[in-house]
Amino acid sequence: MVQKGGVAVIWLLLLSTLLSQVLVQAYNFFPKTKVVMFNQIEGGPKLMVHCKSRQDDLGVRWLDPGKSFEWSFHPHFFAKTLYFCAFRWEHGAHLVWFDIYKQQRDEEVCKQCQWAIRRDGPCLAVSGSEMCYHYRDHLQ
C-alpha cells in the first residue's frame, strides 16, 4: 500500500518529467540566431577572432581576407545572451574587443546578424544599410 506522501512524490516526478519535455520542445520550436563575421580589414591582413559567451568558448580562428566565421544559438528566454569577441589583425598589435551579439541590442534587429569586421570598428548589415560601432581596447 502506497502512502499519501509516496503518491505525491510519484505525481511530482511525473509532472516534472512532463514539464521538462514541454520545455525542450518549446526551446527547439524557437528559431536560432546566426552570427556571421567577415574579415574586411583594409590592406588584406589575416584576422584573429576569439569569441566567447558565459557558457561557450568558440576558440581562436584565423580568417583570411574576405573569409567568414559563423555560429548559431538559441537566445536566452530572458534576453541575457551575450557573445563578445577579441580581434587582432596585425602581428604584435593589441587586442580590441566588441560585444558581437548582445541580445538586448540585437534581438529585434537581426536573426542572421552579418558583421563586417574593419579597422575602425565592426559594422552590422541592417535592411540594406550598416550600423557601425567602435571597439573597446579592454574588457569592462
N, C-alpha and C. Protein backbone atom coordinates (compact mmCIF):
# COMPACT_ATOMS: atom_id res chain seq x y z
N MET A 1 0.84 -1.17 0.00
CA MET A 1 0.00 0.00 0.00
C MET A 1 0.89 1.24 0.00
N VAL A 2 0.63 2.19 -0.93
CA VAL A 2 1.41 3.42 -1.06
C VAL A 2 0.77 4.49 -0.19
N GLN A 3 1.59 5.15 0.60
CA GLN A 3 1.08 6.20 1.47
C GLN A 3 0.91 7.49 0.68
N LYS A 4 0.19 8.47 1.29
CA LYS A 4 -0.08 9.74 0.62
C LYS A 4 1.20 10.44 0.18
N GLY A 5 2.22 10.43 1.02
CA GLY A 5 3.49 11.08 0.66
C GLY A 5 4.12 10.42 -0.55
N GLY A 6 4.02 9.10 -0.65
CA GLY A 6 4.59 8.39 -1.80
C GLY A 6 3.86 8.72 -3.09
N VAL A 7 2.55 8.86 -3.02
CA VAL A 7 1.77 9.22 -4.19
C VAL A 7 2.13 10.63 -4.65
N ALA A 8 2.31 11.53 -3.70
CA ALA A 8 2.67 12.91 -4.04
C ALA A 8 4.03 12.95 -4.73
N VAL A 9 4.96 12.16 -4.27
CA VAL A 9 6.30 12.11 -4.88
C VAL A 9 6.21 11.57 -6.30
N ILE A 10 5.43 10.52 -6.50
CA ILE A 10 5.27 9.95 -7.84
C ILE A 10 4.64 10.98 -8.78
N TRP A 11 3.61 11.68 -8.34
CA TRP A 11 2.97 12.72 -9.16
C TRP A 11 3.94 13.86 -9.45
N LEU A 12 4.73 14.23 -8.48
CA LEU A 12 5.71 15.29 -8.68
C LEU A 12 6.75 14.88 -9.71
N LEU A 13 7.22 13.65 -9.66
CA LEU A 13 8.18 13.15 -10.64
C LEU A 13 7.57 13.12 -12.05
N LEU A 14 6.34 12.65 -12.16
CA LEU A 14 5.68 12.62 -13.47
C LEU A 14 5.48 14.03 -14.02
N LEU A 15 5.05 14.94 -13.17
CA LEU A 15 4.83 16.32 -13.59
C LEU A 15 6.13 16.98 -14.02
N SER A 16 7.22 16.77 -13.27
CA SER A 16 8.50 17.38 -13.63
C SER A 16 9.03 16.79 -14.94
N THR A 17 8.84 15.50 -15.16
CA THR A 17 9.25 14.87 -16.42
C THR A 17 8.47 15.45 -17.59
N LEU A 18 7.16 15.58 -17.43
CA LEU A 18 6.33 16.15 -18.48
C LEU A 18 6.71 17.60 -18.76
N LEU A 19 6.92 18.39 -17.71
CA LEU A 19 7.29 19.79 -17.87
C LEU A 19 8.63 19.92 -18.58
N SER A 20 9.60 19.08 -18.23
CA SER A 20 10.91 19.16 -18.89
C SER A 20 10.79 18.83 -20.37
N GLN A 21 9.95 17.88 -20.75
CA GLN A 21 9.74 17.54 -22.15
C GLN A 21 9.08 18.69 -22.91
N VAL A 22 8.12 19.36 -22.28
CA VAL A 22 7.46 20.50 -22.90
C VAL A 22 8.46 21.63 -23.11
N LEU A 23 9.31 21.89 -22.14
CA LEU A 23 10.31 22.95 -22.27
C LEU A 23 11.32 22.64 -23.36
N VAL A 24 11.74 21.40 -23.48
CA VAL A 24 12.68 21.01 -24.54
C VAL A 24 12.03 21.24 -25.90
N GLN A 25 10.79 20.84 -26.06
CA GLN A 25 10.09 21.04 -27.33
C GLN A 25 9.92 22.53 -27.63
N ALA A 26 9.57 23.33 -26.63
CA ALA A 26 9.41 24.77 -26.82
C ALA A 26 10.74 25.41 -27.21
N TYR A 27 11.81 24.99 -26.57
CA TYR A 27 13.15 25.51 -26.87
C TYR A 27 13.52 25.26 -28.32
N ASN A 28 13.24 24.06 -28.81
CA ASN A 28 13.55 23.72 -30.20
C ASN A 28 12.60 24.38 -31.18
N PHE A 29 11.44 24.83 -30.73
CA PHE A 29 10.48 25.50 -31.59
C PHE A 29 10.96 26.89 -31.98
N PHE A 30 11.61 27.59 -31.04
CA PHE A 30 12.07 28.94 -31.31
C PHE A 30 13.27 28.90 -32.25
N PRO A 31 13.30 29.80 -33.23
CA PRO A 31 14.40 29.78 -34.21
C PRO A 31 15.73 30.16 -33.58
N LYS A 32 16.78 29.63 -34.17
CA LYS A 32 18.13 30.00 -33.74
C LYS A 32 18.51 31.34 -34.35
N THR A 33 19.43 32.01 -33.71
CA THR A 33 20.04 33.22 -34.25
C THR A 33 21.40 32.82 -34.79
N LYS A 34 21.77 33.40 -35.92
CA LYS A 34 23.07 33.11 -36.54
C LYS A 34 23.88 34.40 -36.56
N VAL A 35 25.16 34.28 -36.21
CA VAL A 35 26.11 35.39 -36.31
C VAL A 35 27.15 35.01 -37.36
N VAL A 36 27.38 35.91 -38.30
CA VAL A 36 28.39 35.71 -39.35
C VAL A 36 29.30 36.93 -39.34
N MET A 37 30.61 36.70 -39.30
CA MET A 37 31.59 37.79 -39.33
C MET A 37 32.49 37.61 -40.56
N PHE A 38 32.70 38.70 -41.28
CA PHE A 38 33.56 38.71 -42.47
C PHE A 38 34.80 39.55 -42.20
N ASN A 39 35.96 39.03 -42.59
CA ASN A 39 37.19 39.79 -42.49
C ASN A 39 37.22 40.81 -43.62
N GLN A 40 36.97 42.06 -43.28
CA GLN A 40 37.05 43.16 -44.25
C GLN A 40 38.08 44.19 -43.79
N ILE A 41 39.14 43.70 -43.14
CA ILE A 41 40.21 44.59 -42.70
C ILE A 41 40.93 45.13 -43.93
N GLU A 42 41.01 46.44 -44.00
CA GLU A 42 41.66 47.08 -45.13
C GLU A 42 43.14 46.70 -45.20
N GLY A 43 43.65 46.49 -46.39
CA GLY A 43 45.04 46.12 -46.56
C GLY A 43 45.27 44.63 -46.63
N GLY A 44 44.26 43.82 -46.34
CA GLY A 44 44.33 42.38 -46.54
C GLY A 44 45.04 41.53 -45.50
N PRO A 45 45.18 41.94 -44.23
CA PRO A 45 45.81 41.03 -43.27
C PRO A 45 44.83 39.95 -42.81
N LYS A 46 45.39 38.86 -42.28
CA LYS A 46 44.56 37.86 -41.63
C LYS A 46 43.98 38.47 -40.36
N LEU A 47 42.80 37.99 -39.99
CA LEU A 47 42.11 38.48 -38.82
C LEU A 47 42.02 37.36 -37.79
N MET A 48 42.52 37.61 -36.58
CA MET A 48 42.37 36.68 -35.47
C MET A 48 41.07 37.04 -34.75
N VAL A 49 40.22 36.02 -34.54
CA VAL A 49 38.95 36.19 -33.87
C VAL A 49 38.86 35.17 -32.75
N HIS A 50 38.49 35.62 -31.55
CA HIS A 50 38.26 34.70 -30.44
C HIS A 50 36.97 35.13 -29.74
N CYS A 51 35.90 34.35 -29.91
CA CYS A 51 34.59 34.70 -29.38
C CYS A 51 34.20 33.77 -28.24
N LYS A 52 33.49 34.35 -27.27
CA LYS A 52 33.04 33.61 -26.09
C LYS A 52 31.69 34.13 -25.64
N SER A 53 31.00 33.29 -24.90
CA SER A 53 29.85 33.70 -24.11
C SER A 53 30.14 33.22 -22.69
N ARG A 54 29.19 33.39 -21.82
CA ARG A 54 29.40 32.90 -20.46
C ARG A 54 29.53 31.38 -20.44
N GLN A 55 28.82 30.70 -21.36
CA GLN A 55 28.81 29.23 -21.38
C GLN A 55 29.74 28.63 -22.44
N ASP A 56 29.99 29.34 -23.52
CA ASP A 56 30.71 28.77 -24.65
C ASP A 56 31.98 29.55 -24.98
N ASP A 57 33.05 28.82 -25.29
CA ASP A 57 34.27 29.41 -25.84
C ASP A 57 34.39 28.84 -27.25
N LEU A 58 34.23 29.69 -28.24
CA LEU A 58 34.21 29.24 -29.63
C LEU A 58 35.61 29.05 -30.21
N GLY A 59 36.63 29.34 -29.43
CA GLY A 59 38.00 29.11 -29.87
C GLY A 59 38.56 30.23 -30.72
N VAL A 60 39.84 30.14 -31.00
CA VAL A 60 40.55 31.13 -31.82
C VAL A 60 40.45 30.72 -33.27
N ARG A 61 40.12 31.67 -34.12
CA ARG A 61 40.02 31.44 -35.56
C ARG A 61 40.89 32.47 -36.28
N TRP A 62 41.48 32.06 -37.38
CA TRP A 62 42.23 32.98 -38.24
C TRP A 62 41.50 33.06 -39.56
N LEU A 63 41.05 34.25 -39.92
CA LEU A 63 40.29 34.43 -41.15
C LEU A 63 41.13 35.15 -42.20
N ASP A 64 41.26 34.53 -43.36
CA ASP A 64 41.89 35.20 -44.48
C ASP A 64 41.00 36.35 -44.94
N PRO A 65 41.55 37.30 -45.68
CA PRO A 65 40.74 38.42 -46.18
C PRO A 65 39.51 37.92 -46.95
N GLY A 66 38.35 38.49 -46.64
CA GLY A 66 37.10 38.13 -47.30
C GLY A 66 36.44 36.88 -46.77
N LYS A 67 37.12 36.12 -45.92
CA LYS A 67 36.54 34.88 -45.37
C LYS A 67 35.68 35.20 -44.16
N SER A 68 34.87 34.19 -43.76
CA SER A 68 33.92 34.42 -42.67
C SER A 68 34.00 33.31 -41.62
N PHE A 69 33.42 33.60 -40.49
CA PHE A 69 33.25 32.66 -39.39
C PHE A 69 31.82 32.83 -38.90
N GLU A 70 31.12 31.71 -38.66
CA GLU A 70 29.73 31.81 -38.22
C GLU A 70 29.40 30.74 -37.19
N TRP A 71 28.37 31.02 -36.42
CA TRP A 71 27.82 30.06 -35.47
C TRP A 71 26.37 30.46 -35.21
N SER A 72 25.61 29.53 -34.63
CA SER A 72 24.22 29.81 -34.31
C SER A 72 23.91 29.31 -32.91
N PHE A 73 22.83 29.83 -32.34
CA PHE A 73 22.47 29.54 -30.96
C PHE A 73 21.01 29.93 -30.73
N HIS A 74 20.46 29.42 -29.66
CA HIS A 74 19.14 29.83 -29.21
C HIS A 74 19.33 30.97 -28.20
N PRO A 75 18.78 32.15 -28.47
CA PRO A 75 18.89 33.24 -27.49
C PRO A 75 18.18 32.87 -26.18
N HIS A 76 18.66 33.45 -25.11
CA HIS A 76 18.12 33.21 -23.77
C HIS A 76 16.69 33.74 -23.67
N PHE A 77 15.84 33.00 -23.00
CA PHE A 77 14.43 33.38 -22.84
C PHE A 77 14.27 34.76 -22.20
N PHE A 78 15.17 35.10 -21.28
CA PHE A 78 15.09 36.37 -20.56
C PHE A 78 16.05 37.43 -21.12
N ALA A 79 16.40 37.32 -22.39
CA ALA A 79 17.22 38.31 -23.10
C ALA A 79 18.58 38.56 -22.43
N LYS A 80 19.27 37.49 -22.07
CA LYS A 80 20.57 37.62 -21.41
C LYS A 80 21.73 37.13 -22.27
N THR A 81 21.48 36.74 -23.51
CA THR A 81 22.55 36.19 -24.34
C THR A 81 23.55 37.27 -24.72
N LEU A 82 24.84 36.96 -24.53
CA LEU A 82 25.91 37.88 -24.87
C LEU A 82 27.09 37.07 -25.39
N TYR A 83 27.55 37.40 -26.59
CA TYR A 83 28.79 36.87 -27.14
C TYR A 83 29.72 38.05 -27.35
N PHE A 84 30.93 37.94 -26.85
CA PHE A 84 31.93 39.00 -27.05
C PHE A 84 33.14 38.40 -27.74
N CYS A 85 33.80 39.22 -28.55
CA CYS A 85 34.93 38.72 -29.35
C CYS A 85 36.14 39.63 -29.19
N ALA A 86 37.31 39.00 -29.22
CA ALA A 86 38.58 39.71 -29.30
C ALA A 86 39.05 39.62 -30.74
N PHE A 87 39.63 40.72 -31.23
CA PHE A 87 40.13 40.79 -32.61
C PHE A 87 41.57 41.31 -32.60
N ARG A 88 42.35 40.78 -33.53
CA ARG A 88 43.72 41.28 -33.78
C ARG A 88 44.02 41.01 -35.24
N TRP A 89 44.57 41.99 -35.92
CA TRP A 89 44.86 41.81 -37.35
C TRP A 89 46.28 42.16 -37.74
N GLU A 90 47.08 42.59 -36.81
CA GLU A 90 48.48 42.83 -37.12
C GLU A 90 49.33 42.15 -36.08
N HIS A 91 50.41 41.52 -36.51
CA HIS A 91 51.29 40.82 -35.57
C HIS A 91 51.80 41.81 -34.51
N GLY A 92 51.61 41.46 -33.26
CA GLY A 92 52.08 42.30 -32.17
C GLY A 92 51.12 43.40 -31.76
N ALA A 93 50.06 43.62 -32.52
CA ALA A 93 49.09 44.66 -32.16
C ALA A 93 48.28 44.22 -30.95
N HIS A 94 47.77 45.19 -30.21
CA HIS A 94 46.97 44.84 -29.05
C HIS A 94 45.59 44.36 -29.48
N LEU A 95 44.95 43.63 -28.60
CA LEU A 95 43.61 43.12 -28.86
C LEU A 95 42.59 44.24 -28.72
N VAL A 96 41.54 44.17 -29.54
CA VAL A 96 40.37 45.01 -29.35
C VAL A 96 39.19 44.08 -29.14
N TRP A 97 38.16 44.58 -28.45
CA TRP A 97 37.00 43.77 -28.06
C TRP A 97 35.72 44.40 -28.55
N PHE A 98 34.72 43.53 -28.74
CA PHE A 98 33.39 44.02 -29.08
C PHE A 98 32.36 42.97 -28.69
N ASP A 99 31.21 43.43 -28.20
CA ASP A 99 30.08 42.54 -27.91
C ASP A 99 29.37 42.27 -29.24
N ILE A 100 29.73 41.17 -29.89
CA ILE A 100 29.27 40.90 -31.25
C ILE A 100 27.80 40.52 -31.28
N TYR A 101 27.29 39.93 -30.22
CA TYR A 101 25.84 39.70 -30.10
C TYR A 101 25.43 40.03 -28.68
N LYS A 102 24.63 41.05 -28.56
CA LYS A 102 24.07 41.49 -27.28
C LYS A 102 22.56 41.45 -27.46
N GLN A 103 21.93 40.47 -26.85
CA GLN A 103 20.52 40.20 -27.13
C GLN A 103 19.63 41.43 -26.97
N GLN A 104 19.85 42.20 -25.93
CA GLN A 104 19.02 43.38 -25.71
C GLN A 104 19.18 44.39 -26.84
N ARG A 105 20.33 44.45 -27.48
CA ARG A 105 20.58 45.37 -28.59
C ARG A 105 20.16 44.77 -29.93
N ASP A 106 20.41 43.47 -30.13
CA ASP A 106 20.34 42.87 -31.46
C ASP A 106 19.11 42.01 -31.75
N GLU A 107 18.40 41.58 -30.74
CA GLU A 107 17.32 40.60 -30.94
C GLU A 107 16.26 41.08 -31.94
N GLU A 108 15.88 42.33 -31.87
CA GLU A 108 14.86 42.85 -32.78
C GLU A 108 15.44 43.31 -34.12
N VAL A 109 16.76 43.39 -34.20
CA VAL A 109 17.42 43.90 -35.40
C VAL A 109 17.74 42.79 -36.39
N CYS A 110 18.16 41.62 -35.88
CA CYS A 110 18.59 40.57 -36.81
C CYS A 110 18.40 39.18 -36.20
N LYS A 111 18.06 38.24 -37.06
CA LYS A 111 18.07 36.81 -36.72
C LYS A 111 19.27 36.15 -37.39
N GLN A 112 19.76 36.78 -38.45
CA GLN A 112 21.03 36.40 -39.07
C GLN A 112 21.85 37.67 -39.10
N CYS A 113 22.72 37.81 -38.11
CA CYS A 113 23.49 39.04 -37.91
C CYS A 113 24.80 38.94 -38.69
N GLN A 114 24.94 39.76 -39.72
CA GLN A 114 26.12 39.74 -40.58
C GLN A 114 26.98 40.96 -40.28
N TRP A 115 28.20 40.68 -39.81
CA TRP A 115 29.13 41.72 -39.40
C TRP A 115 30.29 41.82 -40.36
N ALA A 116 30.64 43.03 -40.75
CA ALA A 116 31.87 43.32 -41.48
C ALA A 116 32.87 43.82 -40.45
N ILE A 117 33.96 43.08 -40.26
CA ILE A 117 34.97 43.47 -39.27
C ILE A 117 36.02 44.32 -40.00
N ARG A 118 36.13 45.58 -39.56
CA ARG A 118 37.04 46.55 -40.20
C ARG A 118 37.95 47.16 -39.15
N ARG A 119 38.96 47.88 -39.61
CA ARG A 119 39.92 48.51 -38.68
C ARG A 119 39.26 49.49 -37.72
N ASP A 120 38.33 50.28 -38.22
CA ASP A 120 37.74 51.32 -37.37
C ASP A 120 36.55 50.82 -36.55
N GLY A 121 36.14 49.57 -36.74
CA GLY A 121 35.06 49.00 -35.94
C GLY A 121 34.20 48.04 -36.74
N PRO A 122 33.40 47.23 -36.06
CA PRO A 122 32.53 46.28 -36.74
C PRO A 122 31.25 46.99 -37.22
N CYS A 123 30.74 46.53 -38.36
CA CYS A 123 29.51 47.10 -38.94
C CYS A 123 28.51 45.98 -39.18
N LEU A 124 27.30 46.17 -38.68
CA LEU A 124 26.21 45.21 -38.82
C LEU A 124 25.35 45.60 -40.02
N ALA A 125 25.12 44.64 -40.93
CA ALA A 125 24.24 44.88 -42.08
C ALA A 125 22.80 44.82 -41.61
N VAL A 126 22.06 45.93 -41.85
CA VAL A 126 20.65 46.01 -41.43
C VAL A 126 19.84 46.66 -42.55
N SER A 127 18.93 45.90 -43.13
CA SER A 127 17.98 46.42 -44.13
C SER A 127 18.65 47.27 -45.20
N GLY A 128 19.70 46.77 -45.80
CA GLY A 128 20.35 47.48 -46.89
C GLY A 128 21.31 48.58 -46.46
N SER A 129 21.49 48.80 -45.17
CA SER A 129 22.45 49.79 -44.68
C SER A 129 23.32 49.13 -43.61
N GLU A 130 24.15 49.93 -42.96
CA GLU A 130 25.03 49.40 -41.92
C GLU A 130 24.91 50.22 -40.63
N MET A 131 25.02 49.51 -39.52
CA MET A 131 25.15 50.15 -38.21
C MET A 131 26.56 49.86 -37.74
N CYS A 132 27.39 50.89 -37.64
CA CYS A 132 28.80 50.70 -37.28
C CYS A 132 29.05 51.11 -35.84
N TYR A 133 29.98 50.43 -35.20
CA TYR A 133 30.29 50.62 -33.79
C TYR A 133 31.80 50.80 -33.62
N HIS A 134 32.21 51.13 -32.40
CA HIS A 134 33.62 51.25 -32.05
C HIS A 134 34.04 50.05 -31.20
N TYR A 135 35.30 49.68 -31.34
CA TYR A 135 35.87 48.62 -30.49
C TYR A 135 36.15 49.19 -29.11
N ARG A 136 36.31 48.27 -28.16
CA ARG A 136 36.89 48.62 -26.85
C ARG A 136 38.30 48.07 -26.87
N ASP A 137 39.20 48.73 -26.18
CA ASP A 137 40.56 48.22 -26.16
C ASP A 137 40.85 47.41 -24.89
N HIS A 138 39.81 47.11 -24.11
CA HIS A 138 39.95 46.25 -22.94
C HIS A 138 38.57 45.74 -22.55
N LEU A 139 38.56 44.67 -21.78
CA LEU A 139 37.29 44.14 -21.25
C LEU A 139 36.82 45.03 -20.11
N GLN A 140 35.53 45.28 -20.07
CA GLN A 140 34.98 46.11 -18.99
C GLN A 140 34.30 45.26 -17.96
